[in-house]
Amino acid sequence: MISAARAVVQAISVFPQQRQCCPAPTFSSVHGIYQKGRNQPGETELKFGDLTPEVQAARLLHCRCLGIVSVRRLAAEAGLPVERTELLMCRGLATLIARGYPAEELCETYRVTPEQLSRASMVPAFSGRFEPLDASR
């Protein structure tokens, strides 16, 4: 199981970045990535490491959807090891696959190839609590 997960995460790491006319947003500049409430003054900010693995995976995939496709960059900005970041994203994708989300939509939304998505499906999925973040965030 571990070797299958390692193959998946290595494959996602080497996914080529798409050319962009403007720079991709940074992890911390994505709206609401750390804050408990957007417009609630006085609320303390959450540290990424304090979030549950399910929420971490959802936020990492959301950042990838918004244009941050480099796993190394996501890991550095989240303060996580690259391997942990890759595993979280693979588990998130595996959960979405297990829930019946269309593969074509997942590939397009999260910028992964069909081969990468196929390998991600071999990683254990999260519990029933995992939900992808809305694109409107």
N, C-alpha and C. Protein backbone atom coordinates (compact mmCIF):
# COMPACT_ATOMS: atom_id res chain seq x y z
N MET A 1 0.83 -1.19 0.00
CA MET A 1 0.00 0.00 0.00
C MET A 1 0.87 1.25 0.00
N ILE A 2 1.94 1.24 0.79
CA ILE A 2 2.81 2.42 0.87
C ILE A 2 3.50 2.67 -0.46
N SER A 3 3.95 1.62 -1.14
CA SER A 3 4.62 1.82 -2.42
C SER A 3 3.66 2.36 -3.47
N ALA A 4 2.40 1.95 -3.42
CA ALA A 4 1.41 2.49 -4.36
C ALA A 4 1.17 3.96 -4.09
N ALA A 5 1.09 4.34 -2.82
CA ALA A 5 0.89 5.75 -2.47
C ALA A 5 2.10 6.58 -2.89
N ARG A 6 3.29 6.05 -2.70
CA ARG A 6 4.50 6.76 -3.08
C ARG A 6 4.55 6.98 -4.60
N ALA A 7 4.14 5.97 -5.38
CA ALA A 7 4.11 6.12 -6.84
C ALA A 7 3.12 7.20 -7.26
N VAL A 8 2.00 7.27 -6.57
CA VAL A 8 0.98 8.27 -6.88
C VAL A 8 1.50 9.66 -6.60
N VAL A 9 2.09 9.83 -5.42
CA VAL A 9 2.53 11.17 -5.05
C VAL A 9 3.69 11.63 -5.91
N GLN A 10 4.56 10.74 -6.32
CA GLN A 10 5.65 11.12 -7.21
C GLN A 10 5.11 11.53 -8.57
N ALA A 11 4.09 10.85 -9.03
CA ALA A 11 3.51 11.19 -10.33
C ALA A 11 2.84 12.55 -10.30
N ILE A 12 2.17 12.88 -9.20
CA ILE A 12 1.51 14.18 -9.11
C ILE A 12 2.53 15.30 -9.01
N SER A 13 3.67 15.04 -8.39
CA SER A 13 4.70 16.06 -8.24
C SER A 13 5.29 16.50 -9.57
N VAL A 14 5.34 15.60 -10.54
CA VAL A 14 5.98 15.93 -11.79
C VAL A 14 5.01 16.44 -12.85
N PHE A 15 3.76 16.68 -12.47
CA PHE A 15 2.78 17.19 -13.43
C PHE A 15 3.24 18.54 -13.94
N PRO A 16 3.39 18.72 -15.25
CA PRO A 16 3.90 19.98 -15.77
C PRO A 16 2.94 21.14 -15.52
N GLN A 17 3.52 22.29 -15.20
CA GLN A 17 2.70 23.46 -14.97
C GLN A 17 2.24 24.02 -16.31
N GLN A 18 1.04 24.57 -16.29
CA GLN A 18 0.51 25.19 -17.48
C GLN A 18 1.03 26.61 -17.57
N ARG A 19 1.21 27.10 -18.78
CA ARG A 19 1.65 28.48 -18.97
C ARG A 19 0.52 29.41 -18.56
N GLN A 20 0.89 30.44 -17.84
CA GLN A 20 -0.10 31.39 -17.39
C GLN A 20 0.35 32.80 -17.77
N CYS A 21 -0.60 33.66 -18.09
CA CYS A 21 -0.26 35.01 -18.46
C CYS A 21 -0.01 35.88 -17.22
N CYS A 22 -0.52 35.47 -16.09
CA CYS A 22 -0.26 36.19 -14.85
C CYS A 22 0.19 35.19 -13.80
N PRO A 23 0.95 35.63 -12.81
CA PRO A 23 1.45 34.67 -11.82
C PRO A 23 0.32 34.05 -11.02
N ALA A 24 0.53 32.81 -10.63
CA ALA A 24 -0.47 32.10 -9.82
C ALA A 24 -0.51 32.72 -8.43
N PRO A 25 -1.66 32.63 -7.78
CA PRO A 25 -1.74 33.17 -6.42
C PRO A 25 -0.86 32.37 -5.47
N THR A 26 -0.46 32.99 -4.40
CA THR A 26 0.29 32.25 -3.39
C THR A 26 -0.69 31.55 -2.47
N PHE A 27 -0.20 30.57 -1.77
CA PHE A 27 -1.03 29.77 -0.88
C PHE A 27 -1.71 30.66 0.16
N SER A 28 -0.95 31.56 0.77
CA SER A 28 -1.50 32.38 1.84
C SER A 28 -2.38 33.51 1.33
N SER A 29 -2.29 33.84 0.03
CA SER A 29 -3.13 34.92 -0.49
C SER A 29 -4.51 34.45 -0.93
N VAL A 30 -4.71 33.15 -0.97
CA VAL A 30 -6.02 32.63 -1.34
C VAL A 30 -7.01 33.03 -0.24
N HIS A 31 -8.11 33.63 -0.63
CA HIS A 31 -9.06 34.17 0.34
C HIS A 31 -9.58 33.11 1.29
N GLY A 32 -9.51 33.42 2.57
CA GLY A 32 -10.08 32.56 3.59
C GLY A 32 -9.29 31.30 3.88
N ILE A 33 -8.04 31.22 3.44
CA ILE A 33 -7.30 29.97 3.60
C ILE A 33 -6.99 29.69 5.07
N TYR A 34 -6.77 30.71 5.86
CA TYR A 34 -6.44 30.50 7.26
C TYR A 34 -7.51 31.02 8.22
N GLN A 35 -8.35 31.94 7.81
CA GLN A 35 -9.24 32.61 8.74
C GLN A 35 -10.46 31.78 9.08
N LYS A 36 -10.89 31.91 10.33
CA LYS A 36 -12.12 31.23 10.76
C LYS A 36 -13.32 31.84 10.07
N GLY A 37 -13.44 33.14 10.10
CA GLY A 37 -14.55 33.84 9.47
C GLY A 37 -14.02 35.01 8.67
N ARG A 38 -14.56 35.23 7.50
CA ARG A 38 -14.01 36.26 6.62
C ARG A 38 -14.13 37.66 7.19
N ASN A 39 -15.31 38.05 7.61
CA ASN A 39 -15.53 39.43 8.03
C ASN A 39 -15.84 39.53 9.52
N GLN A 40 -15.25 38.69 10.28
CA GLN A 40 -15.50 38.71 11.72
C GLN A 40 -14.27 39.27 12.42
N PRO A 41 -14.31 40.54 12.79
CA PRO A 41 -13.15 41.12 13.46
C PRO A 41 -12.91 40.45 14.80
N GLY A 42 -11.65 40.33 15.15
CA GLY A 42 -11.30 39.75 16.43
C GLY A 42 -11.17 38.24 16.43
N GLU A 43 -11.53 37.59 15.34
CA GLU A 43 -11.39 36.14 15.27
C GLU A 43 -9.91 35.79 15.13
N THR A 44 -9.50 34.77 15.80
CA THR A 44 -8.11 34.35 15.68
C THR A 44 -7.93 33.54 14.40
N GLU A 45 -6.74 33.58 13.86
CA GLU A 45 -6.46 32.83 12.64
C GLU A 45 -6.03 31.41 13.00
N LEU A 46 -6.45 30.47 12.18
CA LEU A 46 -6.06 29.08 12.37
C LEU A 46 -4.74 28.82 11.67
N LYS A 47 -3.90 28.04 12.27
CA LYS A 47 -2.69 27.58 11.62
C LYS A 47 -3.06 26.37 10.77
N PHE A 48 -2.44 26.25 9.61
CA PHE A 48 -2.76 25.15 8.71
C PHE A 48 -2.56 23.81 9.40
N GLY A 49 -1.51 23.69 10.20
CA GLY A 49 -1.22 22.44 10.88
C GLY A 49 -2.24 22.07 11.95
N ASP A 50 -3.06 23.04 12.39
CA ASP A 50 -4.09 22.77 13.40
C ASP A 50 -5.36 22.20 12.79
N LEU A 51 -5.48 22.21 11.47
CA LEU A 51 -6.67 21.72 10.80
C LEU A 51 -6.64 20.20 10.72
N THR A 52 -7.81 19.59 10.56
CA THR A 52 -7.87 18.14 10.38
C THR A 52 -7.28 17.77 9.03
N PRO A 53 -6.81 16.54 8.87
CA PRO A 53 -6.27 16.13 7.56
C PRO A 53 -7.28 16.30 6.42
N GLU A 54 -8.55 16.08 6.70
CA GLU A 54 -9.56 16.24 5.66
C GLU A 54 -9.64 17.69 5.18
N VAL A 55 -9.59 18.62 6.12
CA VAL A 55 -9.65 20.04 5.77
C VAL A 55 -8.36 20.47 5.07
N GLN A 56 -7.23 19.96 5.54
CA GLN A 56 -5.96 20.27 4.88
C GLN A 56 -5.99 19.82 3.42
N ALA A 57 -6.47 18.59 3.19
CA ALA A 57 -6.54 18.07 1.82
C ALA A 57 -7.46 18.92 0.96
N ALA A 58 -8.62 19.28 1.50
CA ALA A 58 -9.57 20.10 0.73
C ALA A 58 -8.95 21.44 0.38
N ARG A 59 -8.25 22.05 1.31
CA ARG A 59 -7.64 23.35 1.03
C ARG A 59 -6.49 23.25 0.04
N LEU A 60 -5.70 22.19 0.14
CA LEU A 60 -4.61 22.00 -0.82
C LEU A 60 -5.16 21.79 -2.23
N LEU A 61 -6.20 20.98 -2.35
CA LEU A 61 -6.81 20.75 -3.66
C LEU A 61 -7.46 22.03 -4.18
N HIS A 62 -8.04 22.80 -3.28
CA HIS A 62 -8.65 24.07 -3.69
C HIS A 62 -7.58 25.03 -4.23
N CYS A 63 -6.44 25.08 -3.57
CA CYS A 63 -5.35 25.93 -4.06
C CYS A 63 -4.86 25.45 -5.42
N ARG A 64 -4.81 24.14 -5.61
CA ARG A 64 -4.40 23.59 -6.91
C ARG A 64 -5.40 23.98 -7.99
N CYS A 65 -6.67 23.95 -7.63
CA CYS A 65 -7.74 24.35 -8.55
C CYS A 65 -7.59 25.83 -8.93
N LEU A 66 -7.14 26.64 -7.99
CA LEU A 66 -6.98 28.08 -8.24
C LEU A 66 -5.71 28.44 -9.00
N GLY A 67 -4.85 27.46 -9.23
CA GLY A 67 -3.68 27.73 -10.06
C GLY A 67 -2.33 27.43 -9.45
N ILE A 68 -2.28 27.05 -8.19
CA ILE A 68 -1.01 26.68 -7.58
C ILE A 68 -0.82 25.19 -7.81
N VAL A 69 -0.15 24.82 -8.90
CA VAL A 69 -0.06 23.41 -9.25
C VAL A 69 1.22 22.75 -8.75
N SER A 70 2.19 23.52 -8.31
CA SER A 70 3.44 22.96 -7.82
C SER A 70 3.24 22.41 -6.41
N VAL A 71 3.42 21.10 -6.27
CA VAL A 71 3.26 20.46 -4.97
C VAL A 71 4.34 20.95 -4.02
N ARG A 72 5.54 21.16 -4.53
CA ARG A 72 6.63 21.66 -3.68
C ARG A 72 6.31 23.06 -3.15
N ARG A 73 5.74 23.88 -3.99
CA ARG A 73 5.37 25.23 -3.56
C ARG A 73 4.25 25.19 -2.52
N LEU A 74 3.25 24.35 -2.76
CA LEU A 74 2.17 24.20 -1.78
C LEU A 74 2.71 23.71 -0.44
N ALA A 75 3.60 22.73 -0.49
CA ALA A 75 4.18 22.18 0.74
C ALA A 75 4.97 23.24 1.49
N ALA A 76 5.77 24.00 0.77
CA ALA A 76 6.59 25.03 1.41
C ALA A 76 5.72 26.11 2.05
N GLU A 77 4.70 26.54 1.35
CA GLU A 77 3.86 27.61 1.87
C GLU A 77 2.93 27.13 2.98
N ALA A 78 2.59 25.83 2.98
CA ALA A 78 1.74 25.29 4.04
C ALA A 78 2.56 24.86 5.25
N GLY A 79 3.88 24.78 5.07
CA GLY A 79 4.74 24.35 6.16
C GLY A 79 4.68 22.86 6.42
N LEU A 80 4.41 22.09 5.36
CA LEU A 80 4.32 20.63 5.47
C LEU A 80 5.43 20.00 4.64
N PRO A 81 5.84 18.77 4.98
CA PRO A 81 6.75 18.05 4.11
C PRO A 81 6.07 17.76 2.77
N VAL A 82 6.86 17.70 1.71
CA VAL A 82 6.31 17.45 0.38
C VAL A 82 5.54 16.14 0.35
N GLU A 83 6.08 15.10 0.98
CA GLU A 83 5.43 13.80 0.96
C GLU A 83 4.05 13.85 1.64
N ARG A 84 3.96 14.60 2.73
CA ARG A 84 2.68 14.73 3.44
C ARG A 84 1.67 15.48 2.57
N THR A 85 2.13 16.53 1.91
CA THR A 85 1.27 17.31 1.03
C THR A 85 0.74 16.44 -0.11
N GLU A 86 1.62 15.66 -0.70
CA GLU A 86 1.22 14.78 -1.80
C GLU A 86 0.21 13.73 -1.32
N LEU A 87 0.47 13.15 -0.16
CA LEU A 87 -0.43 12.13 0.36
C LEU A 87 -1.80 12.71 0.67
N LEU A 88 -1.84 13.91 1.26
CA LEU A 88 -3.12 14.55 1.55
C LEU A 88 -3.92 14.78 0.27
N MET A 89 -3.25 15.27 -0.76
CA MET A 89 -3.94 15.53 -2.02
C MET A 89 -4.41 14.23 -2.65
N CYS A 90 -3.61 13.18 -2.58
CA CYS A 90 -4.02 11.89 -3.14
C CYS A 90 -5.21 11.32 -2.39
N ARG A 91 -5.20 11.42 -1.07
CA ARG A 91 -6.34 10.92 -0.29
C ARG A 91 -7.60 11.72 -0.60
N GLY A 92 -7.44 13.03 -0.80
CA GLY A 92 -8.60 13.85 -1.16
C GLY A 92 -9.15 13.44 -2.51
N LEU A 93 -8.27 13.23 -3.49
CA LEU A 93 -8.72 12.79 -4.81
C LEU A 93 -9.34 11.41 -4.75
N ALA A 94 -8.74 10.50 -3.97
CA ALA A 94 -9.30 9.15 -3.83
C ALA A 94 -10.70 9.19 -3.23
N THR A 95 -10.92 10.10 -2.30
CA THR A 95 -12.23 10.23 -1.68
C THR A 95 -13.25 10.73 -2.70
N LEU A 96 -12.85 11.70 -3.50
CA LEU A 96 -13.77 12.23 -4.52
C LEU A 96 -14.10 11.16 -5.56
N ILE A 97 -13.12 10.35 -5.92
CA ILE A 97 -13.35 9.25 -6.87
C ILE A 97 -14.33 8.25 -6.26
N ALA A 98 -14.10 7.90 -4.98
CA ALA A 98 -14.98 6.94 -4.30
C ALA A 98 -16.41 7.46 -4.18
N ARG A 99 -16.57 8.75 -4.13
CA ARG A 99 -17.91 9.35 -4.03
C ARG A 99 -18.60 9.46 -5.37
N GLY A 100 -17.90 9.13 -6.44
CA GLY A 100 -18.54 9.12 -7.74
C GLY A 100 -18.39 10.39 -8.57
N TYR A 101 -17.49 11.27 -8.19
CA TYR A 101 -17.26 12.45 -9.02
C TYR A 101 -16.70 12.01 -10.36
N PRO A 102 -17.12 12.62 -11.47
CA PRO A 102 -16.63 12.22 -12.79
C PRO A 102 -15.12 12.45 -12.93
N ALA A 103 -14.43 11.44 -13.45
CA ALA A 103 -12.97 11.51 -13.58
C ALA A 103 -12.53 12.69 -14.46
N GLU A 104 -13.26 12.93 -15.54
CA GLU A 104 -12.89 14.02 -16.45
C GLU A 104 -12.95 15.36 -15.72
N GLU A 105 -13.98 15.53 -14.90
CA GLU A 105 -14.14 16.77 -14.14
C GLU A 105 -13.02 16.93 -13.12
N LEU A 106 -12.65 15.84 -12.45
CA LEU A 106 -11.57 15.90 -11.46
C LEU A 106 -10.24 16.24 -12.12
N CYS A 107 -9.98 15.65 -13.28
CA CYS A 107 -8.73 15.93 -14.00
C CYS A 107 -8.65 17.40 -14.38
N GLU A 108 -9.74 17.92 -14.90
CA GLU A 108 -9.76 19.32 -15.33
C GLU A 108 -9.69 20.27 -14.15
N THR A 109 -10.47 20.00 -13.12
CA THR A 109 -10.55 20.90 -11.97
C THR A 109 -9.24 20.95 -11.20
N TYR A 110 -8.64 19.79 -10.94
CA TYR A 110 -7.45 19.73 -10.10
C TYR A 110 -6.15 19.57 -10.88
N ARG A 111 -6.24 19.69 -12.19
CA ARG A 111 -5.06 19.70 -13.07
C ARG A 111 -4.17 18.47 -12.88
N VAL A 112 -4.79 17.31 -12.99
CA VAL A 112 -4.06 16.05 -12.94
C VAL A 112 -4.38 15.28 -14.21
N THR A 113 -3.48 14.39 -14.57
CA THR A 113 -3.70 13.55 -15.75
C THR A 113 -4.57 12.36 -15.36
N PRO A 114 -5.19 11.70 -16.34
CA PRO A 114 -5.97 10.50 -16.02
C PRO A 114 -5.12 9.41 -15.34
N GLU A 115 -3.85 9.29 -15.73
CA GLU A 115 -2.98 8.30 -15.12
C GLU A 115 -2.74 8.62 -13.65
N GLN A 116 -2.52 9.90 -13.34
CA GLN A 116 -2.32 10.31 -11.96
C GLN A 116 -3.58 10.06 -11.13
N LEU A 117 -4.72 10.35 -11.72
CA LEU A 117 -5.99 10.14 -11.02
C LEU A 117 -6.22 8.65 -10.77
N SER A 118 -5.87 7.83 -11.74
CA SER A 118 -6.01 6.39 -11.59
C SER A 118 -5.15 5.88 -10.44
N ARG A 119 -3.92 6.37 -10.35
CA ARG A 119 -3.04 5.95 -9.26
C ARG A 119 -3.51 6.50 -7.92
N ALA A 120 -4.09 7.71 -7.92
CA ALA A 120 -4.60 8.29 -6.67
C ALA A 120 -5.76 7.47 -6.12
N SER A 121 -6.49 6.80 -6.99
CA SER A 121 -7.64 6.00 -6.54
C SER A 121 -7.21 4.81 -5.70
N MET A 122 -5.91 4.45 -5.74
CA MET A 122 -5.41 3.32 -4.96
C MET A 122 -5.08 3.71 -3.52
N VAL A 123 -5.05 5.00 -3.22
CA VAL A 123 -4.72 5.48 -1.88
C VAL A 123 -6.00 5.42 -1.03
N PRO A 124 -5.88 5.09 0.26
CA PRO A 124 -7.08 5.04 1.10
C PRO A 124 -7.81 6.39 1.13
N ALA A 125 -9.13 6.32 1.06
CA ALA A 125 -9.96 7.53 1.05
C ALA A 125 -10.21 8.03 2.48
N PHE A 126 -10.65 9.28 2.58
CA PHE A 126 -11.04 9.85 3.87
C PHE A 126 -12.41 9.35 4.27
N SER A 127 -12.82 9.70 5.46
CA SER A 127 -14.14 9.33 5.97
C SER A 127 -15.22 10.11 5.25
N GLY A 128 -16.43 9.97 5.68
CA GLY A 128 -17.57 10.65 5.08
C GLY A 128 -17.59 12.15 5.29
N ARG A 129 -16.70 12.68 6.15
CA ARG A 129 -16.72 14.12 6.43
C ARG A 129 -16.06 14.95 5.35
N PHE A 130 -15.25 14.35 4.49
CA PHE A 130 -14.50 15.11 3.50
C PHE A 130 -15.41 15.67 2.41
N GLU A 131 -15.30 16.95 2.16
CA GLU A 131 -16.04 17.61 1.09
C GLU A 131 -15.11 18.59 0.39
N PRO A 132 -15.14 18.64 -0.94
CA PRO A 132 -14.31 19.64 -1.63
C PRO A 132 -14.83 21.04 -1.35
N LEU A 133 -13.93 22.02 -1.38
CA LEU A 133 -14.34 23.41 -1.20
C LEU A 133 -15.03 23.90 -2.45
N ASP A 134 -15.99 24.79 -2.28
CA ASP A 134 -16.67 25.38 -3.42
C ASP A 134 -15.70 26.24 -4.22
N ALA A 135 -15.88 26.26 -5.52
CA ALA A 135 -15.02 27.08 -6.37
C ALA A 135 -15.23 28.57 -6.12
N SER A 136 -16.33 28.94 -5.50
CA SER A 136 -16.63 30.35 -5.26
C SER A 136 -15.80 30.93 -4.12
N ARG A 137 -15.15 30.10 -3.34
CA ARG A 137 -14.34 30.61 -2.23
C ARG A 137 -13.07 31.24 -2.68
